């Protein structure tokens, strides 16, 4: 089984269920959006919601994927940056408790926090304070981190840091790692079109995108976008929500249905799909089996609040996958 290394924005998710949309209006945050906020706004947001039920978990797109794979028994590692604070300790402990090898740097800036407001219709609205996570730079990563791994997973939110991405890709290829990239968000794609096309063409082997991201990158609908992306990398995956996912590898297209689920919160669905797909890939399974495993994990995570599947459910998943071939 392949060993997988992730790199991304190290964030702690604070998930808060709100009774209605009044708080969003009061804060002037558009429902369903992801808004970057400063430390002052983050503290004000947490203060206003301190009496509401909330849960906390290590987060960030790549960390969610790596956590998912580790829960399936894959040997994993993670590169990120946290602050010298209790929030950072929580993030680090969460990874270590899941047997993830950590290459986590520290700095004086507060650890990043993503405050997620979940309305009764399961819609998520993010107030994200990136904090220390965005201070991860090219000088923080080195060759030894990539040794003993065979696949590097990148989150699209890092694409604004081109120097960091370029060094990570260079070290990955120097050490013969396969590279996967999750495009993460359509606005990230729109802001980095030329750079994304260049790195996919020259370095990236596996690309994950949802319909919006695929359209932002190619200007085309899902199937046509799948063809275009697969033309510049080995494997392209376009997720099409309740309709499942499309996969193209070596000119062969595979369609995978979504796993039936009772939707509570869609946080982490794409990240856990990537975890399931890469788990299958690490075992050398067919593209269909990889996609089905991705769909299974995505279906399980949307039935709970947040991007963490409960330990009991992981036991069920591992039993379901035990004889997978």
C-alpha atoms as a PDB file:
ATOM      1  CA  UNK A   1       0.000   0.000   0.000  1.00  0.00           C
ATOM      2  CA  UNK A   2       1.298   3.463  -0.931  1.00  0.00           C
ATOM      3  CA  UNK A   3       2.224   5.964   1.796  1.00  0.00           C
ATOM      4  CA  UNK A   4       0.540   9.373   1.402  1.00  0.00           C
ATOM      5  CA  UNK A   5       1.843  12.807   2.404  1.00  0.00           C
ATOM      6  CA  UNK A   6      -0.472  15.833   2.577  1.00  0.00           C
ATOM      7  CA  UNK A   7       0.314  19.534   2.670  1.00  0.00           C
ATOM      8  CA  UNK A   8      -2.201  22.272   3.397  1.00  0.00           C
ATOM      9  CA  UNK A   9      -3.614  25.046   5.554  1.00  0.00           C
ATOM     10  CA  UNK A  10      -3.646  23.794   9.156  1.00  0.00           C
ATOM     11  CA  UNK A  11      -6.969  24.954  10.600  1.00  0.00           C
ATOM     12  CA  UNK A  12      -9.194  24.006  13.503  1.00  0.00           C
ATOM     13  CA  UNK A  13     -12.869  23.881  12.556  1.00  0.00           C
ATOM     14  CA  UNK A  14     -15.374  25.243  15.071  1.00  0.00           C
ATOM     15  CA  UNK A  15     -18.785  23.967  13.961  1.00  0.00           C
ATOM     16  CA  UNK A  16     -21.810  25.820  15.287  1.00  0.00           C
ATOM     17  CA  UNK A  17     -25.474  25.056  14.636  1.00  0.00           C
ATOM     18  CA  UNK A  18     -27.564  28.224  14.486  1.00  0.00           C
ATOM     19  CA  UNK A  19     -31.355  28.288  14.816  1.00  0.00           C
ATOM     20  CA  UNK A  20     -31.952  30.706  11.943  1.00  0.00           C
ATOM     21  CA  UNK A  21     -30.222  33.156   9.597  1.00  0.00           C
ATOM     22  CA  UNK A  22     -30.472  36.196  11.885  1.00  0.00           C
ATOM     23  CA  UNK A  23     -26.857  35.917  13.039  1.00  0.00           C
ATOM     24  CA  UNK A  24     -25.622  35.819   9.437  1.00  0.00           C
ATOM     25  CA  UNK A  25     -27.568  38.991   8.676  1.00  0.00           C
ATOM     26  CA  UNK A  26     -26.284  40.633  11.840  1.00  0.00           C
ATOM     27  CA  UNK A  27     -22.698  39.810  10.835  1.00  0.00           C
ATOM     28  CA  UNK A  28     -23.330  40.760   7.197  1.00  0.00           C
ATOM     29  CA  UNK A  29     -22.054  37.378   5.984  1.00  0.00           C
ATOM     30  CA  UNK A  30     -23.677  35.945   2.870  1.00  0.00           C
ATOM     31  CA  UNK A  31     -25.248  32.573   3.544  1.00  0.00           C
ATOM     32  CA  UNK A  32     -23.263  29.711   2.009  1.00  0.00           C
ATOM     33  CA  UNK A  33     -20.152  31.807   1.448  1.00  0.00           C
ATOM     34  CA  UNK A  34     -16.580  31.386   2.643  1.00  0.00           C
ATOM     35  CA  UNK A  35     -15.369  34.711   3.984  1.00  0.00           C
ATOM     36  CA  UNK A  36     -11.799  35.351   5.090  1.00  0.00           C
ATOM     37  CA  UNK A  37     -11.762  37.257   8.368  1.00  0.00           C
ATOM     38  CA  UNK A  38      -9.119  38.882  10.552  1.00  0.00           C
ATOM     39  CA  UNK A  39      -8.325  37.994  14.165  1.00  0.00           C
ATOM     40  CA  UNK A  40     -10.633  40.691  15.563  1.00  0.00           C
ATOM     41  CA  UNK A  41     -13.636  39.493  13.537  1.00  0.00           C
ATOM     42  CA  UNK A  42     -12.846  35.869  14.407  1.00  0.00           C
ATOM     43  CA  UNK A  43     -12.858  36.683  18.132  1.00  0.00           C
ATOM     44  CA  UNK A  44     -16.092  38.648  17.808  1.00  0.00           C
ATOM     45  CA  UNK A  45     -17.727  35.768  15.919  1.00  0.00           C
ATOM     46  CA  UNK A  46     -16.681  33.226  18.551  1.00  0.00           C
ATOM     47  CA  UNK A  47     -17.882  35.555  21.314  1.00  0.00           C
ATOM     48  CA  UNK A  48     -21.323  35.940  19.722  1.00  0.00           C
ATOM     49  CA  UNK A  49     -21.720  32.173  19.417  1.00  0.00           C
ATOM     50  CA  UNK A  50     -20.122  31.045  22.678  1.00  0.00           C
ATOM     51  CA  UNK A  51     -23.466  29.997  24.180  1.00  0.00           C
ATOM     52  CA  UNK A  52     -24.453  27.882  21.182  1.00  0.00           C
ATOM     53  CA  UNK A  53     -23.649  24.184  20.865  1.00  0.00           C
ATOM     54  CA  UNK A  54     -20.395  23.701  19.032  1.00  0.00           C
ATOM     55  CA  UNK A  55     -17.860  21.025  18.198  1.00  0.00           C
ATOM     56  CA  UNK A  56     -14.176  21.352  17.361  1.00  0.00           C
ATOM     57  CA  UNK A  57     -11.971  19.287  15.069  1.00  0.00           C
ATOM     58  CA  UNK A  58      -8.717  19.629  13.156  1.00  0.00           C
ATOM     59  CA  UNK A  59      -9.517  20.801   9.678  1.00  0.00           C
ATOM     60  CA  UNK A  60      -8.276  22.196   6.409  1.00  0.00           C
ATOM     61  CA  UNK A  61      -8.929  20.360   3.148  1.00  0.00           C
ATOM     62  CA  UNK A  62      -5.731  18.316   2.940  1.00  0.00           C
ATOM     63  CA  UNK A  63      -5.757  17.499   6.669  1.00  0.00           C
ATOM     64  CA  UNK A  64      -9.325  16.165   6.314  1.00  0.00           C
ATOM     65  CA  UNK A  65      -8.228  13.910   3.460  1.00  0.00           C
ATOM     66  CA  UNK A  66      -5.147  12.676   5.314  1.00  0.00           C
ATOM     67  CA  UNK A  67      -7.192  12.020   8.474  1.00  0.00           C
ATOM     68  CA  UNK A  68      -9.656   9.991   6.425  1.00  0.00           C
ATOM     69  CA  UNK A  69      -6.941   7.859   4.877  1.00  0.00           C
ATOM     70  CA  UNK A  70      -5.244   7.324   8.241  1.00  0.00           C
ATOM     71  CA  UNK A  71      -8.569   6.079   9.634  1.00  0.00           C
ATOM     72  CA  UNK A  72      -8.521   3.415   6.922  1.00  0.00           C
ATOM     73  CA  UNK A  73      -5.047   2.278   7.906  1.00  0.00           C
ATOM     74  CA  UNK A  74      -2.979   4.106   5.293  1.00  0.00           C
ATOM     75  CA  UNK A  75       0.442   5.316   6.461  1.00  0.00           C
ATOM     76  CA  UNK A  76       0.201   9.095   6.204  1.00  0.00           C
ATOM     77  CA  UNK A  77       2.049  12.315   6.960  1.00  0.00           C
ATOM     78  CA  UNK A  78       1.087  15.990   7.048  1.00  0.00           C
ATOM     79  CA  UNK A  79       2.911  19.296   6.489  1.00  0.00           C
ATOM     80  CA  UNK A  80       1.414  22.528   7.839  1.00  0.00           C
ATOM     81  CA  UNK A  81       1.946  25.470  10.182  1.00  0.00           C
ATOM     82  CA  UNK A  82       0.338  26.311  13.552  1.00  0.00           C
ATOM     83  CA  UNK A  83       0.744  28.887  16.315  1.00  0.00           C
ATOM     84  CA  UNK A  84       2.206  28.447  19.788  1.00  0.00           C
ATOM     85  CA  UNK A  85      -1.237  28.233  21.375  1.00  0.00           C
ATOM     86  CA  UNK A  86      -3.794  25.783  22.739  1.00  0.00           C
ATOM     87  CA  UNK A  87      -5.594  25.672  19.383  1.00  0.00           C
ATOM     88  CA  UNK A  88      -2.374  24.597  17.701  1.00  0.00           C
ATOM     89  CA  UNK A  89      -1.793  21.917  20.324  1.00  0.00           C
ATOM     90  CA  UNK A  90      -5.310  20.631  19.702  1.00  0.00           C
ATOM     91  CA  UNK A  91      -4.661  20.418  15.955  1.00  0.00           C
ATOM     92  CA  UNK A  92      -1.346  18.621  16.425  1.00  0.00           C
ATOM     93  CA  UNK A  93      -2.719  16.159  18.984  1.00  0.00           C
ATOM     94  CA  UNK A  94      -5.652  15.331  16.718  1.00  0.00           C
ATOM     95  CA  UNK A  95      -3.244  14.280  13.951  1.00  0.00           C
ATOM     96  CA  UNK A  96      -0.931  12.335  16.236  1.00  0.00           C
ATOM     97  CA  UNK A  97      -3.850  10.502  17.851  1.00  0.00           C
ATOM     98  CA  UNK A  98      -4.709   9.207  14.371  1.00  0.00           C
ATOM     99  CA  UNK A  99      -1.147   7.920  13.853  1.00  0.00           C
ATOM    100  CA  UNK A 100      -0.277  10.607  11.295  1.00  0.00           C
ATOM    101  CA  UNK A 101       3.402  11.533  10.999  1.00  0.00           C
ATOM    102  CA  UNK A 102       3.605  15.281  11.544  1.00  0.00           C
ATOM    103  CA  UNK A 103       5.912  17.799   9.893  1.00  0.00           C
ATOM    104  CA  UNK A 104       4.189  20.770  11.505  1.00  0.00           C
ATOM    105  CA  UNK A 105       6.020  24.064  11.924  1.00  0.00           C
ATOM    106  CA  UNK A 106       5.205  26.729  14.517  1.00  0.00           C
ATOM    107  CA  UNK A 107       5.184  30.519  14.562  1.00  0.00           C
ATOM    108  CA  UNK A 108       4.039  33.371  16.828  1.00  0.00           C
ATOM    109  CA  UNK A 109       0.808  33.987  14.891  1.00  0.00           C
ATOM    110  CA  UNK A 110      -2.407  32.408  16.221  1.00  0.00           C
ATOM    111  CA  UNK A 111      -3.424  29.040  14.795  1.00  0.00           C
ATOM    112  CA  UNK A 112      -5.990  29.344  12.025  1.00  0.00           C
ATOM    113  CA  UNK A 113      -9.651  28.789  12.868  1.00  0.00           C
ATOM    114  CA  UNK A 114     -12.537  28.164  10.491  1.00  0.00           C
ATOM    115  CA  UNK A 115     -15.810  29.070  12.188  1.00  0.00           C
ATOM    116  CA  UNK A 116     -18.588  27.188  10.413  1.00  0.00           C
ATOM    117  CA  UNK A 117     -22.165  28.375  10.942  1.00  0.00           C
ATOM    118  CA  UNK A 118     -24.666  25.662  10.013  1.00  0.00           C
ATOM    119  CA  UNK A 119     -28.255  26.754   9.397  1.00  0.00           C
ATOM    120  CA  UNK A 120     -31.244  24.367   9.789  1.00  0.00           C
ATOM    121  CA  UNK A 121     -31.189  23.587   6.025  1.00  0.00           C
ATOM    122  CA  UNK A 122     -27.626  22.164   6.464  1.00  0.00           C
ATOM    123  CA  UNK A 123     -26.072  25.053   4.531  1.00  0.00           C
ATOM    124  CA  UNK A 124     -22.574  25.987   5.736  1.00  0.00           C
ATOM    125  CA  UNK A 125     -21.278  29.545   6.022  1.00  0.00           C
ATOM    126  CA  UNK A 126     -17.589  29.989   6.781  1.00  0.00           C
ATOM    127  CA  UNK A 127     -15.757  32.772   8.599  1.00  0.00           C
ATOM    128  CA  UNK A 128     -12.156  31.647   8.106  1.00  0.00           C
ATOM    129  CA  UNK A 129      -9.214  33.135   9.952  1.00  0.00           C
ATOM    130  CA  UNK A 130      -6.160  31.654   8.236  1.00  0.00           C
ATOM    131  CA  UNK A 131      -3.707  32.773  10.899  1.00  0.00           C
ATOM    132  CA  UNK A 132      -0.468  30.804  11.097  1.00  0.00           C
ATOM    133  CA  UNK A 133      -1.464  28.455   8.268  1.00  0.00           C
ATOM    134  CA  UNK A 134      -0.636  30.975   5.548  1.00  0.00           C
ATOM    135  CA  UNK A 135       2.837  31.555   6.959  1.00  0.00           C
ATOM    136  CA  UNK A 136       3.910  28.115   5.739  1.00  0.00           C
ATOM    137  CA  UNK A 137       6.469  28.868   3.041  1.00  0.00           C
ATOM    138  CA  UNK A 138       9.003  27.185   0.796  1.00  0.00           C
ATOM    139  CA  UNK A 139      11.710  27.412   3.474  1.00  0.00           C
ATOM    140  CA  UNK A 140       9.576  25.232   5.788  1.00  0.00           C
ATOM    141  CA  UNK A 141       9.664  22.159   3.560  1.00  0.00           C
ATOM    142  CA  UNK A 142      12.671  19.968   2.831  1.00  0.00           C
ATOM    143  CA  UNK A 143      13.644  16.811   1.035  1.00  0.00           C
ATOM    144  CA  UNK A 144      13.614  14.513   4.073  1.00  0.00           C
ATOM    145  CA  UNK A 145       9.871  15.118   4.568  1.00  0.00           C
ATOM    146  CA  UNK A 146       9.153  13.475   1.209  1.00  0.00           C
ATOM    147  CA  UNK A 147      11.292  10.397   1.694  1.00  0.00           C
ATOM    148  CA  UNK A 148       9.452   7.145   2.395  1.00  0.00           C
ATOM    149  CA  UNK A 149       6.263   8.485   0.758  1.00  0.00           C
ATOM    150  CA  UNK A 150       4.894   7.557  -2.632  1.00  0.00           C
ATOM    151  CA  UNK A 151       2.066  10.087  -3.117  1.00  0.00           C
ATOM    152  CA  UNK A 152       1.715  13.801  -2.333  1.00  0.00           C
ATOM    153  CA  UNK A 153      -1.760  15.295  -1.914  1.00  0.00           C
ATOM    154  CA  UNK A 154      -2.135  19.075  -2.344  1.00  0.00           C
ATOM    155  CA  UNK A 155      -5.120  21.288  -1.565  1.00  0.00           C
ATOM    156  CA  UNK A 156      -6.032  24.052  -3.982  1.00  0.00           C
ATOM    157  CA  UNK A 157      -6.135  26.681  -1.245  1.00  0.00           C
ATOM    158  CA  UNK A 158      -2.312  26.676  -1.353  1.00  0.00           C
ATOM    159  CA  UNK A 159      -2.217  27.753  -4.998  1.00  0.00           C
ATOM    160  CA  UNK A 160      -1.805  31.419  -4.093  1.00  0.00           C
ATOM    161  CA  UNK A 161       1.592  30.506  -2.609  1.00  0.00           C
ATOM    162  CA  UNK A 162       3.299  29.634  -5.879  1.00  0.00           C
ATOM    163  CA  UNK A 163       6.806  29.429  -4.429  1.00  0.00           C
ATOM    164  CA  UNK A 164       5.656  26.866  -1.861  1.00  0.00           C
ATOM    165  CA  UNK A 165       3.748  24.829  -4.450  1.00  0.00           C
ATOM    166  CA  UNK A 166       6.655  24.827  -6.899  1.00  0.00           C
ATOM    167  CA  UNK A 167       9.107  23.598  -4.268  1.00  0.00           C
ATOM    168  CA  UNK A 168       6.697  20.904  -3.053  1.00  0.00           C
ATOM    169  CA  UNK A 169       6.206  19.682  -6.621  1.00  0.00           C
ATOM    170  CA  UNK A 170       9.947  19.685  -7.300  1.00  0.00           C
ATOM    171  CA  UNK A 171      10.657  17.672  -4.140  1.00  0.00           C
ATOM    172  CA  UNK A 172       7.808  15.293  -4.923  1.00  0.00           C
ATOM    173  CA  UNK A 173       9.112  14.526  -8.371  1.00  0.00           C
ATOM    174  CA  UNK A 174      12.736  14.316  -7.196  1.00  0.00           C
ATOM    175  CA  UNK A 175      11.571  11.611  -4.787  1.00  0.00           C
ATOM    176  CA  UNK A 176       9.356   9.917  -7.432  1.00  0.00           C
ATOM    177  CA  UNK A 177       6.046  10.696  -5.729  1.00  0.00           C
ATOM    178  CA  UNK A 178       2.737  10.617  -7.567  1.00  0.00           C
ATOM    179  CA  UNK A 179       0.960  13.987  -7.107  1.00  0.00           C
ATOM    180  CA  UNK A 180      -2.760  14.561  -6.558  1.00  0.00           C
ATOM    181  CA  UNK A 181      -4.418  17.983  -6.464  1.00  0.00           C
ATOM    182  CA  UNK A 182      -7.858  18.957  -5.178  1.00  0.00           C
ATOM    183  CA  UNK A 183      -8.874  22.220  -6.877  1.00  0.00           C
ATOM    184  CA  UNK A 184     -10.748  23.214  -3.683  1.00  0.00           C
ATOM    185  CA  UNK A 185     -12.832  26.213  -4.802  1.00  0.00           C
ATOM    186  CA  UNK A 186     -13.975  27.793  -8.065  1.00  0.00           C
ATOM    187  CA  UNK A 187     -12.725  31.243  -7.030  1.00  0.00           C
ATOM    188  CA  UNK A 188      -9.270  29.802  -6.327  1.00  0.00           C
ATOM    189  CA  UNK A 189      -9.311  28.278  -9.809  1.00  0.00           C
ATOM    190  CA  UNK A 190     -10.422  31.512 -11.481  1.00  0.00           C
ATOM    191  CA  UNK A 191      -7.584  33.421  -9.811  1.00  0.00           C
ATOM    192  CA  UNK A 192      -4.879  30.930 -10.805  1.00  0.00           C
ATOM    193  CA  UNK A 193      -5.879  29.546 -14.207  1.00  0.00           C
ATOM    194  CA  UNK A 194      -2.516  29.715 -15.992  1.00  0.00           C
ATOM    195  CA  UNK A 195      -0.571  28.441 -12.978  1.00  0.00           C
ATOM    196  CA  UNK A 196      -2.960  25.521 -12.451  1.00  0.00           C
ATOM    197  CA  UNK A 197      -2.789  24.500 -16.098  1.00  0.00           C
ATOM    198  CA  UNK A 198       1.004  24.625 -15.994  1.00  0.00           C
ATOM    199  CA  UNK A 199       1.421  22.484 -12.874  1.00  0.00           C
ATOM    200  CA  UNK A 200      -1.193  19.932 -13.941  1.00  0.00           C
ATOM    201  CA  UNK A 201       0.462  19.579 -17.329  1.00  0.00           C
ATOM    202  CA  UNK A 202       3.960  19.208 -15.900  1.00  0.00           C
ATOM    203  CA  UNK A 203       3.628  17.709 -12.409  1.00  0.00           C
ATOM    204  CA  UNK A 204       0.158  16.604 -11.307  1.00  0.00           C
ATOM    205  CA  UNK A 205      -1.046  13.040 -11.939  1.00  0.00           C
ATOM    206  CA  UNK A 206      -4.504  13.036 -10.303  1.00  0.00           C
ATOM    207  CA  UNK A 207      -6.948  15.981 -10.285  1.00  0.00           C
ATOM    208  CA  UNK A 208     -10.107  16.264  -8.167  1.00  0.00           C
ATOM    209  CA  UNK A 209     -12.714  18.897  -9.059  1.00  0.00           C
ATOM    210  CA  UNK A 210     -16.403  19.488  -8.505  1.00  0.00           C
ATOM    211  CA  UNK A 211     -18.650  20.803 -11.283  1.00  0.00           C
ATOM    212  CA  UNK A 212     -18.088  24.469 -10.422  1.00  0.00           C
ATOM    213  CA  UNK A 213     -14.310  24.086 -10.223  1.00  0.00           C
ATOM    214  CA  UNK A 214     -14.182  22.081 -13.438  1.00  0.00           C
ATOM    215  CA  UNK A 215     -16.229  24.727 -15.244  1.00  0.00           C
ATOM    216  CA  UNK A 216     -14.065  27.535 -13.833  1.00  0.00           C
ATOM    217  CA  UNK A 217     -10.975  25.747 -15.145  1.00  0.00           C
ATOM    218  CA  UNK A 218     -12.248  24.742 -18.588  1.00  0.00           C
ATOM    219  CA  UNK A 219     -15.385  26.791 -19.227  1.00  0.00           C
ATOM    220  CA  UNK A 220     -17.171  23.528 -19.994  1.00  0.00           C
ATOM    221  CA  UNK A 221     -19.841  21.291 -18.477  1.00  0.00           C
ATOM    222  CA  UNK A 222     -18.868  18.260 -16.393  1.00  0.00           C
ATOM    223  CA  UNK A 223     -18.273  15.622 -19.087  1.00  0.00           C
ATOM    224  CA  UNK A 224     -16.485  17.959 -21.494  1.00  0.00           C
ATOM    225  CA  UNK A 225     -14.425  19.352 -18.605  1.00  0.00           C
ATOM    226  CA  UNK A 226     -13.499  15.799 -17.581  1.00  0.00           C
ATOM    227  CA  UNK A 227     -12.157  15.142 -21.081  1.00  0.00           C
ATOM    228  CA  UNK A 228     -10.109  18.323 -21.117  1.00  0.00           C
ATOM    229  CA  UNK A 229      -8.575  17.782 -17.675  1.00  0.00           C
ATOM    230  CA  UNK A 230      -7.821  14.123 -18.452  1.00  0.00           C
ATOM    231  CA  UNK A 231      -5.987  15.342 -21.541  1.00  0.00           C
ATOM    232  CA  UNK A 232      -3.276  16.950 -19.387  1.00  0.00           C
ATOM    233  CA  UNK A 233      -2.984  14.474 -16.489  1.00  0.00           C
ATOM    234  CA  UNK A 234      -3.233  10.728 -15.899  1.00  0.00           C
ATOM    235  CA  UNK A 235      -6.489  10.686 -13.931  1.00  0.00           C
ATOM    236  CA  UNK A 236      -9.282  13.259 -13.726  1.00  0.00           C
ATOM    237  CA  UNK A 237     -12.234  13.145 -11.335  1.00  0.00           C
ATOM    238  CA  UNK A 238     -15.223  15.475 -11.595  1.00  0.00           C
ATOM    239  CA  UNK A 239     -17.711  15.196  -8.721  1.00  0.00           C
ATOM    240  CA  UNK A 240     -21.305  15.939  -9.681  1.00  0.00           C
ATOM    241  CA  UNK A 241     -23.036  15.986  -6.282  1.00  0.00           C
ATOM    242  CA  UNK A 242     -26.040  13.721  -5.874  1.00  0.00           C
ATOM    243  CA  UNK A 243     -25.382  12.357  -9.368  1.00  0.00           C
ATOM    244  CA  UNK A 244     -22.081  10.843  -8.273  1.00  0.00           C
ATOM    245  CA  UNK A 245     -18.743  11.312  -9.986  1.00  0.00           C
ATOM    246  CA  UNK A 246     -17.033  10.962 -13.350  1.00  0.00           C
ATOM    247  CA  UNK A 247     -13.543   9.466 -13.600  1.00  0.00           C
ATOM    248  CA  UNK A 248     -11.280   9.298 -16.640  1.00  0.00           C
ATOM    249  CA  UNK A 249      -8.030   7.367 -16.691  1.00  0.00           C
ATOM    250  CA  UNK A 250      -6.072   6.209 -19.745  1.00  0.00           C
ATOM    251  CA  UNK A 251      -8.909   7.288 -22.058  1.00  0.00           C
ATOM    252  CA  UNK A 252     -11.429   5.135 -20.165  1.00  0.00           C
ATOM    253  CA  UNK A 253     -14.361   6.913 -18.516  1.00  0.00           C
ATOM    254  CA  UNK A 254     -16.072   5.525 -15.434  1.00  0.00           C
ATOM    255  CA  UNK A 255     -19.287   6.818 -13.859  1.00  0.00           C
ATOM    256  CA  UNK A 256     -19.851   6.168 -10.147  1.00  0.00           C
ATOM    257  CA  UNK A 257     -23.153   6.729  -8.347  1.00  0.00           C
ATOM    258  CA  UNK A 258     -23.391   8.695  -5.115  1.00  0.00           C
ATOM    259  CA  UNK A 259     -23.940   6.723  -1.921  1.00  0.00           C
ATOM    260  CA  UNK A 260     -27.492   7.290  -0.585  1.00  0.00           C
ATOM    261  CA  UNK A 261     -27.307   9.400   2.555  1.00  0.00           C
ATOM    262  CA  UNK A 262     -29.390  11.539   4.906  1.00  0.00           C
ATOM    263  CA  UNK A 263     -27.775  14.940   4.495  1.00  0.00           C
ATOM    264  CA  UNK A 264     -27.023  16.771   7.737  1.00  0.00           C
ATOM    265  CA  UNK A 265     -23.960  18.838   6.797  1.00  0.00           C
ATOM    266  CA  UNK A 266     -21.895  18.714   3.588  1.00  0.00           C
ATOM    267  CA  UNK A 267     -18.676  19.892   5.267  1.00  0.00           C
ATOM    268  CA  UNK A 268     -15.772  17.710   4.134  1.00  0.00           C
ATOM    269  CA  UNK A 269     -17.643  15.728   1.476  1.00  0.00           C
ATOM    270  CA  UNK A 270     -15.088  16.467  -1.221  1.00  0.00           C
ATOM    271  CA  UNK A 271     -12.147  15.928   1.133  1.00  0.00           C
ATOM    272  CA  UNK A 272     -13.445  12.536   2.240  1.00  0.00           C
ATOM    273  CA  UNK A 273     -14.216  11.552  -1.356  1.00  0.00           C
ATOM    274  CA  UNK A 274     -10.539  12.195  -2.102  1.00  0.00           C
ATOM    275  CA  UNK A 275      -9.576  10.133   0.955  1.00  0.00           C
ATOM    276  CA  UNK A 276     -11.623   7.164  -0.243  1.00  0.00           C
ATOM    277  CA  UNK A 277     -10.434   7.432  -3.827  1.00  0.00           C
ATOM    278  CA  UNK A 278      -6.765   7.691  -2.838  1.00  0.00           C
ATOM    279  CA  UNK A 279      -7.181   4.797  -0.401  1.00  0.00           C
ATOM    280  CA  UNK A 280      -8.362   2.636  -3.290  1.00  0.00           C
ATOM    281  CA  UNK A 281      -5.603   3.987  -5.504  1.00  0.00           C
ATOM    282  CA  UNK A 282      -2.991   3.210  -2.850  1.00  0.00           C
ATOM    283  CA  UNK A 283      -4.172  -0.418  -2.909  1.00  0.00           C
ATOM    284  CA  UNK A 284      -4.097  -0.637  -6.699  1.00  0.00           C
ATOM    285  CA  UNK A 285      -7.876  -1.002  -7.055  1.00  0.00           C
ATOM    286  CA  UNK A 286      -9.800  -0.259 -10.258  1.00  0.00           C
ATOM    287  CA  UNK A 287     -10.996   3.268 -10.963  1.00  0.00           C
ATOM    288  CA  UNK A 288     -14.551   2.101 -10.305  1.00  0.00           C
ATOM    289  CA  UNK A 289     -13.640   0.728  -6.875  1.00  0.00           C
ATOM    290  CA  UNK A 290     -11.659   3.893  -6.065  1.00  0.00           C
ATOM    291  CA  UNK A 291     -14.672   6.032  -6.945  1.00  0.00           C
ATOM    292  CA  UNK A 292     -17.071   3.821  -5.009  1.00  0.00           C
ATOM    293  CA  UNK A 293     -14.883   4.073  -1.905  1.00  0.00           C
ATOM    294  CA  UNK A 294     -14.751   7.835  -2.324  1.00  0.00           C
ATOM    295  CA  UNK A 295     -18.537   7.955  -2.641  1.00  0.00           C
ATOM    296  CA  UNK A 296     -18.926   5.776   0.449  1.00  0.00           C
ATOM    297  CA  UNK A 297     -16.826   8.094   2.630  1.00  0.00           C
ATOM    298  CA  UNK A 298     -18.494  11.220   1.222  1.00  0.00           C
ATOM    299  CA  UNK A 299     -21.899   9.699   1.949  1.00  0.00           C
ATOM    300  CA  UNK A 300     -20.961   8.902   5.538  1.00  0.00           C
ATOM    301  CA  UNK A 301     -19.479  12.313   6.363  1.00  0.00           C
ATOM    302  CA  UNK A 302     -22.508  14.287   5.170  1.00  0.00           C
ATOM    303  CA  UNK A 303     -24.639  12.423   7.705  1.00  0.00           C
ATOM    304  CA  UNK A 304     -22.816  14.088  10.620  1.00  0.00           C
ATOM    305  CA  UNK A 305     -21.853  17.613  11.659  1.00  0.00           C
ATOM    306  CA  UNK A 306     -18.347  18.483  10.474  1.00  0.00           C
ATOM    307  CA  UNK A 307     -15.673  16.739   8.439  1.00  0.00           C
ATOM    308  CA  UNK A 308     -14.992  13.927  10.927  1.00  0.00           C
ATOM    309  CA  UNK A 309     -16.660  10.539  10.637  1.00  0.00           C
ATOM    310  CA  UNK A 310     -17.337   9.001  14.109  1.00  0.00           C
ATOM    311  CA  UNK A 311     -15.065   6.158  15.232  1.00  0.00           C
ATOM    312  CA  UNK A 312     -17.949   3.671  15.308  1.00  0.00           C
ATOM    313  CA  UNK A 313     -18.796   4.443  11.698  1.00  0.00           C
ATOM    314  CA  UNK A 314     -15.131   4.027  10.733  1.00  0.00           C
ATOM    315  CA  UNK A 315     -15.277   0.523  12.204  1.00  0.00           C
ATOM    316  CA  UNK A 316     -18.259  -0.254   9.966  1.00  0.00           C
ATOM    317  CA  UNK A 317     -16.495   1.217   6.926  1.00  0.00           C
ATOM    318  CA  UNK A 318     -13.328  -0.786   7.522  1.00  0.00           C
ATOM    319  CA  UNK A 319     -15.411  -3.955   7.816  1.00  0.00           C
ATOM    320  CA  UNK A 320     -17.184  -3.139   4.540  1.00  0.00           C
ATOM    321  CA  UNK A 321     -13.853  -2.587   2.782  1.00  0.00           C
ATOM    322  CA  UNK A 322     -11.993  -5.513   4.366  1.00  0.00           C
ATOM    323  CA  UNK A 323     -12.353  -7.870   1.418  1.00  0.00           C
ATOM    324  CA  UNK A 324     -12.314  -5.194  -1.278  1.00  0.00           C
ATOM    325  CA  UNK A 325     -10.371  -6.183  -4.397  1.00  0.00           C
END
